[in-house]
């Protein structure tokens, strides 16, 4: 049993115990809650108690999700290390149905992400949801996770397999998650964006401005299909570079490209050979060096 207790405005997250069995049976036995879960539907409270005993003794970072207002145990959640130190941590949540749609899952997920960063220095996180369960995807999006790839997962007993969207988050050096909204480039924004790039006197056709949570201009991107993939161009505001925000920005750009042009297309970027910083950022996102097209540029490619 771990001794961590996390507090938010409305929630207390603490280690689950066998004493929570009756409360947990409410959601563990609900077919609607179980619809996209990996565990089988529980039909006896004794089996829930047996499961909670393994959680209580397991030593992982599982939490009971308790509403501070009235002490109601509403669900469970957990955040878990990867199989190796360099791998991202994963997290999940499970909430009784009458508490859905009130922001509790988002609040709990954000608390766990902050806990992992502040306690263990973790900056990379992954989570997944069934494609047919967009509500869970919205929770992850509110926490800053962007789509990374499509795949599937199965129930523990192998009885059902779900097409799934796998998402990823990179925190900055201060432990902050940044989300970006993309909108068409305007004449008012174009001169500033041009000043950030080494290029051309004009931005690529169809360029988009990237706005942060406060509505401030953070960067620009363009995505052009062709040549066997999607050419991704981008630049961030210079004052934001060096803060650990680059990887999440590129992830958001790549996710938008995949959503626009399809998940089965590779994404590539042409980076000046001398630009080690951008090459490092792309490598963190999963881009790998491919055959150069010009001596002074490196082609880096993100596989589907």
C-alpha atoms as a PDB file:
ATOM      1  CA  UNK A   1       0.000   0.000   0.000  1.00  0.00           C
ATOM      2  CA  UNK A   2       1.359   3.421  -0.905  1.00  0.00           C
ATOM      3  CA  UNK A   3       0.906   6.371   1.435  1.00  0.00           C
ATOM      4  CA  UNK A   4       0.359   9.114  -1.163  1.00  0.00           C
ATOM      5  CA  UNK A   5      -2.718  11.312  -0.842  1.00  0.00           C
ATOM      6  CA  UNK A   6      -3.505  13.826  -3.585  1.00  0.00           C
ATOM      7  CA  UNK A   7      -5.871  16.754  -3.051  1.00  0.00           C
ATOM      8  CA  UNK A   8      -7.692  18.822  -5.681  1.00  0.00           C
ATOM      9  CA  UNK A   9     -10.468  21.375  -5.364  1.00  0.00           C
ATOM     10  CA  UNK A  10     -13.154  18.695  -5.287  1.00  0.00           C
ATOM     11  CA  UNK A  11     -11.350  15.391  -4.817  1.00  0.00           C
ATOM     12  CA  UNK A  12      -9.153  13.387  -2.511  1.00  0.00           C
ATOM     13  CA  UNK A  13      -7.150  10.607  -4.146  1.00  0.00           C
ATOM     14  CA  UNK A  14      -5.917   7.948  -1.711  1.00  0.00           C
ATOM     15  CA  UNK A  15      -4.942   4.295  -1.818  1.00  0.00           C
ATOM     16  CA  UNK A  16      -7.993   2.023  -2.301  1.00  0.00           C
ATOM     17  CA  UNK A  17      -8.700  -0.527   0.409  1.00  0.00           C
ATOM     18  CA  UNK A  18     -10.925  -3.572   0.884  1.00  0.00           C
ATOM     19  CA  UNK A  19     -13.259  -1.313   2.865  1.00  0.00           C
ATOM     20  CA  UNK A  20     -14.167   0.352  -0.444  1.00  0.00           C
ATOM     21  CA  UNK A  21     -15.650  -2.870  -1.877  1.00  0.00           C
ATOM     22  CA  UNK A  22     -19.333  -1.957  -1.527  1.00  0.00           C
ATOM     23  CA  UNK A  23     -18.786   1.465  -3.062  1.00  0.00           C
ATOM     24  CA  UNK A  24     -16.691   0.012  -5.907  1.00  0.00           C
ATOM     25  CA  UNK A  25     -19.297  -2.647  -6.652  1.00  0.00           C
ATOM     26  CA  UNK A  26     -21.615   0.143  -7.859  1.00  0.00           C
ATOM     27  CA  UNK A  27     -19.466   0.789 -10.931  1.00  0.00           C
ATOM     28  CA  UNK A  28     -17.754  -2.597 -11.233  1.00  0.00           C
ATOM     29  CA  UNK A  29     -21.168  -4.245 -11.712  1.00  0.00           C
ATOM     30  CA  UNK A  30     -22.557  -1.621 -14.115  1.00  0.00           C
ATOM     31  CA  UNK A  31     -22.558  -2.835 -17.754  1.00  0.00           C
ATOM     32  CA  UNK A  32     -22.468   0.743 -19.060  1.00  0.00           C
ATOM     33  CA  UNK A  33     -19.338   1.550 -17.067  1.00  0.00           C
ATOM     34  CA  UNK A  34     -17.821  -1.777 -18.108  1.00  0.00           C
ATOM     35  CA  UNK A  35     -18.573  -1.298 -21.819  1.00  0.00           C
ATOM     36  CA  UNK A  36     -14.997  -0.419 -22.840  1.00  0.00           C
ATOM     37  CA  UNK A  37     -13.088  -1.723 -19.826  1.00  0.00           C
ATOM     38  CA  UNK A  38     -10.613  -4.593 -19.936  1.00  0.00           C
ATOM     39  CA  UNK A  39     -11.933  -6.342 -16.846  1.00  0.00           C
ATOM     40  CA  UNK A  40     -15.009  -8.596 -16.878  1.00  0.00           C
ATOM     41  CA  UNK A  41     -18.219  -7.390 -15.271  1.00  0.00           C
ATOM     42  CA  UNK A  42     -18.351  -8.135 -11.545  1.00  0.00           C
ATOM     43  CA  UNK A  43     -21.445  -9.875 -10.173  1.00  0.00           C
ATOM     44  CA  UNK A  44     -20.424 -10.358  -6.521  1.00  0.00           C
ATOM     45  CA  UNK A  45     -19.149  -7.793  -4.044  1.00  0.00           C
ATOM     46  CA  UNK A  46     -16.840 -10.486  -2.631  1.00  0.00           C
ATOM     47  CA  UNK A  47     -14.961 -10.579  -5.922  1.00  0.00           C
ATOM     48  CA  UNK A  48     -14.561  -6.806  -5.837  1.00  0.00           C
ATOM     49  CA  UNK A  49     -13.130  -7.114  -2.327  1.00  0.00           C
ATOM     50  CA  UNK A  50     -10.652  -9.736  -3.549  1.00  0.00           C
ATOM     51  CA  UNK A  51      -9.556  -7.412  -6.362  1.00  0.00           C
ATOM     52  CA  UNK A  52      -9.167  -4.485  -3.966  1.00  0.00           C
ATOM     53  CA  UNK A  53      -7.035  -6.623  -1.690  1.00  0.00           C
ATOM     54  CA  UNK A  54      -4.565  -7.172  -4.530  1.00  0.00           C
ATOM     55  CA  UNK A  55      -4.604  -3.422  -5.280  1.00  0.00           C
ATOM     56  CA  UNK A  56      -4.079  -2.572  -1.596  1.00  0.00           C
ATOM     57  CA  UNK A  57      -1.103  -4.911  -1.400  1.00  0.00           C
ATOM     58  CA  UNK A  58       0.240  -4.312  -4.904  1.00  0.00           C
ATOM     59  CA  UNK A  59       2.426  -1.279  -4.313  1.00  0.00           C
ATOM     60  CA  UNK A  60       1.417   0.481  -7.535  1.00  0.00           C
ATOM     61  CA  UNK A  61       0.090   4.027  -7.703  1.00  0.00           C
ATOM     62  CA  UNK A  62      -3.616   3.234  -7.655  1.00  0.00           C
ATOM     63  CA  UNK A  63      -6.041   5.683  -6.086  1.00  0.00           C
ATOM     64  CA  UNK A  64      -9.622   5.710  -4.841  1.00  0.00           C
ATOM     65  CA  UNK A  65     -11.343   8.789  -6.193  1.00  0.00           C
ATOM     66  CA  UNK A  66     -13.219  10.377  -3.270  1.00  0.00           C
ATOM     67  CA  UNK A  67     -15.512  13.406  -3.505  1.00  0.00           C
ATOM     68  CA  UNK A  68     -14.504  15.792  -0.735  1.00  0.00           C
ATOM     69  CA  UNK A  69     -17.972  17.311  -0.449  1.00  0.00           C
ATOM     70  CA  UNK A  70     -19.600  14.164   0.945  1.00  0.00           C
ATOM     71  CA  UNK A  71     -16.904  11.453   1.080  1.00  0.00           C
ATOM     72  CA  UNK A  72     -18.449   9.439  -1.768  1.00  0.00           C
ATOM     73  CA  UNK A  73     -16.020   6.966  -3.316  1.00  0.00           C
ATOM     74  CA  UNK A  74     -16.771   7.600  -6.998  1.00  0.00           C
ATOM     75  CA  UNK A  75     -14.196   5.512  -8.791  1.00  0.00           C
ATOM     76  CA  UNK A  76     -10.610   4.418  -9.052  1.00  0.00           C
ATOM     77  CA  UNK A  77      -7.691   5.682 -11.098  1.00  0.00           C
ATOM     78  CA  UNK A  78      -4.003   4.934 -11.348  1.00  0.00           C
ATOM     79  CA  UNK A  79      -0.742   5.999 -12.921  1.00  0.00           C
ATOM     80  CA  UNK A  80       1.997   3.496 -13.721  1.00  0.00           C
ATOM     81  CA  UNK A  81       5.687   3.503 -14.694  1.00  0.00           C
ATOM     82  CA  UNK A  82       6.764   2.165 -18.067  1.00  0.00           C
ATOM     83  CA  UNK A  83       8.629  -1.113 -18.399  1.00  0.00           C
ATOM     84  CA  UNK A  84      11.941   0.777 -18.608  1.00  0.00           C
ATOM     85  CA  UNK A  85      13.087   4.085 -17.063  1.00  0.00           C
ATOM     86  CA  UNK A  86      13.064   5.925 -20.378  1.00  0.00           C
ATOM     87  CA  UNK A  87       9.527   4.831 -21.280  1.00  0.00           C
ATOM     88  CA  UNK A  88       6.476   7.039 -20.619  1.00  0.00           C
ATOM     89  CA  UNK A  89       4.093   6.484 -17.736  1.00  0.00           C
ATOM     90  CA  UNK A  90       0.504   5.450 -18.434  1.00  0.00           C
ATOM     91  CA  UNK A  91      -2.691   6.245 -16.579  1.00  0.00           C
ATOM     92  CA  UNK A  92      -6.375   5.320 -16.505  1.00  0.00           C
ATOM     93  CA  UNK A  93      -9.597   5.979 -14.631  1.00  0.00           C
ATOM     94  CA  UNK A  94     -12.969   4.367 -13.946  1.00  0.00           C
ATOM     95  CA  UNK A  95     -15.949   6.294 -12.595  1.00  0.00           C
ATOM     96  CA  UNK A  96     -19.467   5.427 -11.500  1.00  0.00           C
ATOM     97  CA  UNK A  97     -22.052   6.435 -14.096  1.00  0.00           C
ATOM     98  CA  UNK A  98     -23.969   9.058 -12.082  1.00  0.00           C
ATOM     99  CA  UNK A  99     -20.695  11.009 -11.725  1.00  0.00           C
ATOM    100  CA  UNK A 100     -19.916  11.138 -15.444  1.00  0.00           C
ATOM    101  CA  UNK A 101     -19.805  14.435 -17.311  1.00  0.00           C
ATOM    102  CA  UNK A 102     -18.853  16.596 -14.325  1.00  0.00           C
ATOM    103  CA  UNK A 103     -15.112  16.909 -14.906  1.00  0.00           C
ATOM    104  CA  UNK A 104     -14.064  14.529 -12.130  1.00  0.00           C
ATOM    105  CA  UNK A 105     -12.041  12.234 -14.381  1.00  0.00           C
ATOM    106  CA  UNK A 106     -10.153  15.195 -15.870  1.00  0.00           C
ATOM    107  CA  UNK A 107      -9.457  16.597 -12.409  1.00  0.00           C
ATOM    108  CA  UNK A 108      -8.160  13.234 -11.190  1.00  0.00           C
ATOM    109  CA  UNK A 109      -6.016  12.647 -14.289  1.00  0.00           C
ATOM    110  CA  UNK A 110      -4.414  16.069 -14.005  1.00  0.00           C
ATOM    111  CA  UNK A 111      -3.672  15.422 -10.327  1.00  0.00           C
ATOM    112  CA  UNK A 112      -1.952  12.118 -11.164  1.00  0.00           C
ATOM    113  CA  UNK A 113       0.115  13.672 -13.955  1.00  0.00           C
ATOM    114  CA  UNK A 114       1.222  16.465 -11.610  1.00  0.00           C
ATOM    115  CA  UNK A 115       2.019  13.872  -8.917  1.00  0.00           C
ATOM    116  CA  UNK A 116       4.232  11.845 -11.268  1.00  0.00           C
ATOM    117  CA  UNK A 117       6.079  14.976 -12.416  1.00  0.00           C
ATOM    118  CA  UNK A 118       6.654  16.451  -8.962  1.00  0.00           C
ATOM    119  CA  UNK A 119       7.457  13.179  -7.213  1.00  0.00           C
ATOM    120  CA  UNK A 120       9.419  11.310  -9.872  1.00  0.00           C
ATOM    121  CA  UNK A 121      10.257  13.907 -12.534  1.00  0.00           C
ATOM    122  CA  UNK A 122       8.163  12.182 -15.206  1.00  0.00           C
ATOM    123  CA  UNK A 123       7.471  14.283 -18.313  1.00  0.00           C
ATOM    124  CA  UNK A 124       6.190  11.706 -20.813  1.00  0.00           C
ATOM    125  CA  UNK A 125       2.727  10.133 -20.508  1.00  0.00           C
ATOM    126  CA  UNK A 126       0.518   7.869 -22.614  1.00  0.00           C
ATOM    127  CA  UNK A 127      -3.104   6.774 -22.405  1.00  0.00           C
ATOM    128  CA  UNK A 128      -5.594   5.152 -24.737  1.00  0.00           C
ATOM    129  CA  UNK A 129      -9.336   4.988 -25.268  1.00  0.00           C
ATOM    130  CA  UNK A 130     -11.694   3.042 -27.483  1.00  0.00           C
ATOM    131  CA  UNK A 131     -12.490   4.909 -30.683  1.00  0.00           C
ATOM    132  CA  UNK A 132     -16.160   4.341 -29.846  1.00  0.00           C
ATOM    133  CA  UNK A 133     -15.655   6.067 -26.479  1.00  0.00           C
ATOM    134  CA  UNK A 134     -14.945   9.708 -27.412  1.00  0.00           C
ATOM    135  CA  UNK A 135     -15.867  10.943 -23.920  1.00  0.00           C
ATOM    136  CA  UNK A 136     -12.713   9.343 -22.548  1.00  0.00           C
ATOM    137  CA  UNK A 137     -10.759  10.909 -25.404  1.00  0.00           C
ATOM    138  CA  UNK A 138     -12.048  14.334 -24.369  1.00  0.00           C
ATOM    139  CA  UNK A 139     -10.772  13.774 -20.837  1.00  0.00           C
ATOM    140  CA  UNK A 140      -7.322  13.008 -22.222  1.00  0.00           C
ATOM    141  CA  UNK A 141      -7.466  15.998 -24.582  1.00  0.00           C
ATOM    142  CA  UNK A 142      -8.343  18.288 -21.659  1.00  0.00           C
ATOM    143  CA  UNK A 143      -5.166  17.033 -19.976  1.00  0.00           C
ATOM    144  CA  UNK A 144      -3.117  17.900 -23.061  1.00  0.00           C
ATOM    145  CA  UNK A 145      -2.718  14.455 -24.635  1.00  0.00           C
ATOM    146  CA  UNK A 146      -2.804  14.439 -28.440  1.00  0.00           C
ATOM    147  CA  UNK A 147      -3.427  11.456 -30.753  1.00  0.00           C
ATOM    148  CA  UNK A 148      -0.229   9.532 -31.496  1.00  0.00           C
ATOM    149  CA  UNK A 149      -1.398   6.420 -33.366  1.00  0.00           C
ATOM    150  CA  UNK A 150      -4.312   4.048 -33.843  1.00  0.00           C
ATOM    151  CA  UNK A 151      -4.302   0.476 -32.577  1.00  0.00           C
ATOM    152  CA  UNK A 152      -6.431  -1.811 -30.447  1.00  0.00           C
ATOM    153  CA  UNK A 153      -6.695  -3.388 -27.023  1.00  0.00           C
ATOM    154  CA  UNK A 154      -8.566  -6.445 -25.748  1.00  0.00           C
ATOM    155  CA  UNK A 155     -10.370  -7.510 -22.634  1.00  0.00           C
ATOM    156  CA  UNK A 156      -8.257  -9.529 -20.215  1.00  0.00           C
ATOM    157  CA  UNK A 157     -10.249 -12.666 -21.062  1.00  0.00           C
ATOM    158  CA  UNK A 158      -9.881 -12.085 -24.814  1.00  0.00           C
ATOM    159  CA  UNK A 159     -13.633 -11.913 -25.360  1.00  0.00           C
ATOM    160  CA  UNK A 160     -13.628  -8.554 -27.154  1.00  0.00           C
ATOM    161  CA  UNK A 161     -11.162  -6.289 -28.954  1.00  0.00           C
ATOM    162  CA  UNK A 162     -11.634  -2.542 -29.336  1.00  0.00           C
ATOM    163  CA  UNK A 163     -10.158  -0.252 -32.009  1.00  0.00           C
ATOM    164  CA  UNK A 164      -8.376   2.425 -29.980  1.00  0.00           C
ATOM    165  CA  UNK A 165      -6.695   5.796 -30.175  1.00  0.00           C
ATOM    166  CA  UNK A 166      -3.384   6.011 -28.335  1.00  0.00           C
ATOM    167  CA  UNK A 167      -2.472   9.482 -27.068  1.00  0.00           C
ATOM    168  CA  UNK A 168       0.683  11.047 -25.718  1.00  0.00           C
ATOM    169  CA  UNK A 169       1.729  14.056 -23.638  1.00  0.00           C
ATOM    170  CA  UNK A 170       5.096  15.740 -23.093  1.00  0.00           C
ATOM    171  CA  UNK A 171       5.253  18.220 -20.213  1.00  0.00           C
ATOM    172  CA  UNK A 172       7.555  21.220 -20.384  1.00  0.00           C
ATOM    173  CA  UNK A 173      10.417  21.717 -17.927  1.00  0.00           C
ATOM    174  CA  UNK A 174       7.986  23.291 -15.435  1.00  0.00           C
ATOM    175  CA  UNK A 175       5.566  20.371 -15.526  1.00  0.00           C
ATOM    176  CA  UNK A 176       2.998  22.202 -17.630  1.00  0.00           C
ATOM    177  CA  UNK A 177       0.886  20.598 -20.351  1.00  0.00           C
ATOM    178  CA  UNK A 178       0.304  22.833 -23.357  1.00  0.00           C
ATOM    179  CA  UNK A 179      -2.562  22.588 -25.800  1.00  0.00           C
ATOM    180  CA  UNK A 180      -2.724  24.296 -29.170  1.00  0.00           C
ATOM    181  CA  UNK A 181      -5.598  25.416 -31.354  1.00  0.00           C
ATOM    182  CA  UNK A 182      -4.844  25.814 -35.047  1.00  0.00           C
ATOM    183  CA  UNK A 183      -6.522  28.426 -37.216  1.00  0.00           C
ATOM    184  CA  UNK A 184      -5.953  29.752 -40.750  1.00  0.00           C
ATOM    185  CA  UNK A 185      -3.076  32.172 -41.102  1.00  0.00           C
ATOM    186  CA  UNK A 186      -4.054  35.849 -41.328  1.00  0.00           C
ATOM    187  CA  UNK A 187      -2.308  38.847 -42.824  1.00  0.00           C
ATOM    188  CA  UNK A 188      -1.883  40.267 -39.319  1.00  0.00           C
ATOM    189  CA  UNK A 189      -0.039  37.173 -38.045  1.00  0.00           C
ATOM    190  CA  UNK A 190       1.996  36.331 -41.157  1.00  0.00           C
ATOM    191  CA  UNK A 191       4.872  38.858 -40.708  1.00  0.00           C
ATOM    192  CA  UNK A 192       5.587  37.685 -37.168  1.00  0.00           C
ATOM    193  CA  UNK A 193       5.561  34.033 -38.194  1.00  0.00           C
ATOM    194  CA  UNK A 194       7.874  34.732 -41.115  1.00  0.00           C
ATOM    195  CA  UNK A 195      10.365  36.299 -38.728  1.00  0.00           C
ATOM    196  CA  UNK A 196      10.688  32.964 -36.838  1.00  0.00           C
ATOM    197  CA  UNK A 197      11.624  30.850 -39.837  1.00  0.00           C
ATOM    198  CA  UNK A 198      14.736  30.741 -41.863  1.00  0.00           C
ATOM    199  CA  UNK A 199      12.861  30.581 -44.955  1.00  0.00           C
ATOM    200  CA  UNK A 200      11.337  32.008 -47.594  1.00  0.00           C
ATOM    201  CA  UNK A 201       9.710  35.280 -48.028  1.00  0.00           C
ATOM    202  CA  UNK A 202       6.355  33.531 -47.867  1.00  0.00           C
ATOM    203  CA  UNK A 203       4.936  30.817 -45.633  1.00  0.00           C
ATOM    204  CA  UNK A 204       3.844  27.546 -47.266  1.00  0.00           C
ATOM    205  CA  UNK A 205       0.382  27.523 -48.756  1.00  0.00           C
ATOM    206  CA  UNK A 206      -2.285  26.626 -46.219  1.00  0.00           C
ATOM    207  CA  UNK A 207      -0.156  27.594 -43.218  1.00  0.00           C
ATOM    208  CA  UNK A 208      -1.907  27.602 -39.853  1.00  0.00           C
ATOM    209  CA  UNK A 209      -1.322  29.743 -36.794  1.00  0.00           C
ATOM    210  CA  UNK A 210      -0.966  27.833 -33.511  1.00  0.00           C
ATOM    211  CA  UNK A 211      -2.606  29.547 -30.554  1.00  0.00           C
ATOM    212  CA  UNK A 212      -1.996  28.508 -26.948  1.00  0.00           C
ATOM    213  CA  UNK A 213      -4.547  28.253 -24.125  1.00  0.00           C
ATOM    214  CA  UNK A 214      -4.481  31.998 -23.534  1.00  0.00           C
ATOM    215  CA  UNK A 215      -5.088  32.769 -27.203  1.00  0.00           C
ATOM    216  CA  UNK A 216      -1.513  33.930 -27.803  1.00  0.00           C
ATOM    217  CA  UNK A 217       0.368  33.050 -30.973  1.00  0.00           C
ATOM    218  CA  UNK A 218       2.825  30.241 -30.182  1.00  0.00           C
ATOM    219  CA  UNK A 219       3.914  29.098 -33.614  1.00  0.00           C
ATOM    220  CA  UNK A 220       2.860  28.113 -37.095  1.00  0.00           C
ATOM    221  CA  UNK A 221       2.664  24.911 -39.090  1.00  0.00           C
ATOM    222  CA  UNK A 222       1.922  23.711 -42.594  1.00  0.00           C
ATOM    223  CA  UNK A 223       1.303  20.195 -43.865  1.00  0.00           C
ATOM    224  CA  UNK A 224       1.553  19.260 -47.525  1.00  0.00           C
ATOM    225  CA  UNK A 225       0.607  15.772 -48.783  1.00  0.00           C
ATOM    226  CA  UNK A 226       2.665  14.230 -51.560  1.00  0.00           C
ATOM    227  CA  UNK A 227       5.952  12.484 -52.265  1.00  0.00           C
ATOM    228  CA  UNK A 228       4.822   9.391 -50.378  1.00  0.00           C
ATOM    229  CA  UNK A 229       3.813  11.171 -47.189  1.00  0.00           C
ATOM    230  CA  UNK A 230       2.997  14.454 -45.504  1.00  0.00           C
ATOM    231  CA  UNK A 231       5.632  17.170 -45.421  1.00  0.00           C
ATOM    232  CA  UNK A 232       5.420  18.914 -42.048  1.00  0.00           C
ATOM    233  CA  UNK A 233       6.779  22.456 -41.685  1.00  0.00           C
ATOM    234  CA  UNK A 234       6.661  24.387 -38.422  1.00  0.00           C
ATOM    235  CA  UNK A 235       8.292  27.019 -36.230  1.00  0.00           C
ATOM    236  CA  UNK A 236       7.731  28.133 -32.633  1.00  0.00           C
ATOM    237  CA  UNK A 237       8.010  31.575 -31.146  1.00  0.00           C
ATOM    238  CA  UNK A 238      11.733  31.893 -30.293  1.00  0.00           C
ATOM    239  CA  UNK A 239      11.022  32.932 -26.690  1.00  0.00           C
ATOM    240  CA  UNK A 240       9.315  29.544 -26.119  1.00  0.00           C
ATOM    241  CA  UNK A 241      12.179  27.383 -27.338  1.00  0.00           C
ATOM    242  CA  UNK A 242      14.458  25.805 -24.789  1.00  0.00           C
ATOM    243  CA  UNK A 243      11.620  25.332 -22.282  1.00  0.00           C
ATOM    244  CA  UNK A 244      10.783  21.745 -23.171  1.00  0.00           C
ATOM    245  CA  UNK A 245       7.687  22.725 -25.153  1.00  0.00           C
ATOM    246  CA  UNK A 246       8.928  21.723 -28.593  1.00  0.00           C
ATOM    247  CA  UNK A 247       8.029  18.027 -28.473  1.00  0.00           C
ATOM    248  CA  UNK A 248       4.430  18.633 -27.444  1.00  0.00           C
ATOM    249  CA  UNK A 249       4.073  21.318 -30.115  1.00  0.00           C
ATOM    250  CA  UNK A 250       5.341  18.952 -32.825  1.00  0.00           C
ATOM    251  CA  UNK A 251       3.073  16.176 -31.511  1.00  0.00           C
ATOM    252  CA  UNK A 252       0.086  18.495 -31.863  1.00  0.00           C
ATOM    253  CA  UNK A 253       1.097  19.426 -35.424  1.00  0.00           C
ATOM    254  CA  UNK A 254       1.616  15.783 -36.402  1.00  0.00           C
ATOM    255  CA  UNK A 255      -1.711  14.762 -34.847  1.00  0.00           C
ATOM    256  CA  UNK A 256      -3.515  17.412 -36.874  1.00  0.00           C
ATOM    257  CA  UNK A 257      -1.777  16.202 -40.055  1.00  0.00           C
ATOM    258  CA  UNK A 258      -2.859  12.612 -39.385  1.00  0.00           C
ATOM    259  CA  UNK A 259      -6.428  13.648 -38.655  1.00  0.00           C
ATOM    260  CA  UNK A 260      -6.556  15.651 -41.898  1.00  0.00           C
ATOM    261  CA  UNK A 261      -4.828  13.282 -44.298  1.00  0.00           C
ATOM    262  CA  UNK A 262      -5.092   9.832 -42.742  1.00  0.00           C
ATOM    263  CA  UNK A 263      -3.335   7.682 -40.167  1.00  0.00           C
ATOM    264  CA  UNK A 264      -1.676   5.437 -42.750  1.00  0.00           C
ATOM    265  CA  UNK A 265       0.622   8.105 -44.201  1.00  0.00           C
ATOM    266  CA  UNK A 266       4.168   8.773 -42.972  1.00  0.00           C
ATOM    267  CA  UNK A 267       5.032  12.301 -41.912  1.00  0.00           C
ATOM    268  CA  UNK A 268       8.413  13.768 -42.752  1.00  0.00           C
ATOM    269  CA  UNK A 269      10.294  16.982 -42.096  1.00  0.00           C
ATOM    270  CA  UNK A 270      13.360  18.466 -43.778  1.00  0.00           C
ATOM    271  CA  UNK A 271      15.717  19.911 -41.178  1.00  0.00           C
ATOM    272  CA  UNK A 272      18.947  21.839 -41.793  1.00  0.00           C
ATOM    273  CA  UNK A 273      21.851  19.510 -41.012  1.00  0.00           C
ATOM    274  CA  UNK A 274      23.258  22.067 -38.581  1.00  0.00           C
ATOM    275  CA  UNK A 275      19.993  22.424 -36.616  1.00  0.00           C
ATOM    276  CA  UNK A 276      20.648  19.903 -33.859  1.00  0.00           C
ATOM    277  CA  UNK A 277      17.978  21.321 -31.555  1.00  0.00           C
ATOM    278  CA  UNK A 278      15.124  20.672 -34.007  1.00  0.00           C
ATOM    279  CA  UNK A 279      16.525  17.226 -34.816  1.00  0.00           C
ATOM    280  CA  UNK A 280      16.495  16.409 -31.082  1.00  0.00           C
ATOM    281  CA  UNK A 281      12.894  17.592 -30.708  1.00  0.00           C
ATOM    282  CA  UNK A 282      11.758  15.514 -33.675  1.00  0.00           C
ATOM    283  CA  UNK A 283      13.592  12.465 -32.325  1.00  0.00           C
ATOM    284  CA  UNK A 284      11.722  12.783 -29.015  1.00  0.00           C
ATOM    285  CA  UNK A 285       8.453  12.659 -30.916  1.00  0.00           C
ATOM    286  CA  UNK A 286       9.543   9.522 -32.793  1.00  0.00           C
ATOM    287  CA  UNK A 287      10.950  10.892 -36.049  1.00  0.00           C
ATOM    288  CA  UNK A 288      13.898   8.927 -37.394  1.00  0.00           C
ATOM    289  CA  UNK A 289      16.545  10.052 -39.848  1.00  0.00           C
ATOM    290  CA  UNK A 290      15.950   8.927 -43.415  1.00  0.00           C
ATOM    291  CA  UNK A 291      17.965   9.335 -46.623  1.00  0.00           C
ATOM    292  CA  UNK A 292      18.865  13.003 -47.165  1.00  0.00           C
ATOM    293  CA  UNK A 293      17.448  14.702 -50.251  1.00  0.00           C
ATOM    294  CA  UNK A 294      20.006  17.518 -50.218  1.00  0.00           C
ATOM    295  CA  UNK A 295      23.483  17.618 -48.638  1.00  0.00           C
ATOM    296  CA  UNK A 296      22.582  20.490 -46.318  1.00  0.00           C
ATOM    297  CA  UNK A 297      19.278  19.006 -45.111  1.00  0.00           C
ATOM    298  CA  UNK A 298      18.327  15.912 -43.136  1.00  0.00           C
ATOM    299  CA  UNK A 299      15.023  14.188 -43.844  1.00  0.00           C
ATOM    300  CA  UNK A 300      13.385  12.857 -40.682  1.00  0.00           C
ATOM    301  CA  UNK A 301      10.367  10.599 -40.914  1.00  0.00           C
ATOM    302  CA  UNK A 302       7.595   9.580 -38.522  1.00  0.00           C
ATOM    303  CA  UNK A 303       6.149   6.198 -39.485  1.00  0.00           C
ATOM    304  CA  UNK A 304       2.377   5.588 -39.450  1.00  0.00           C
END
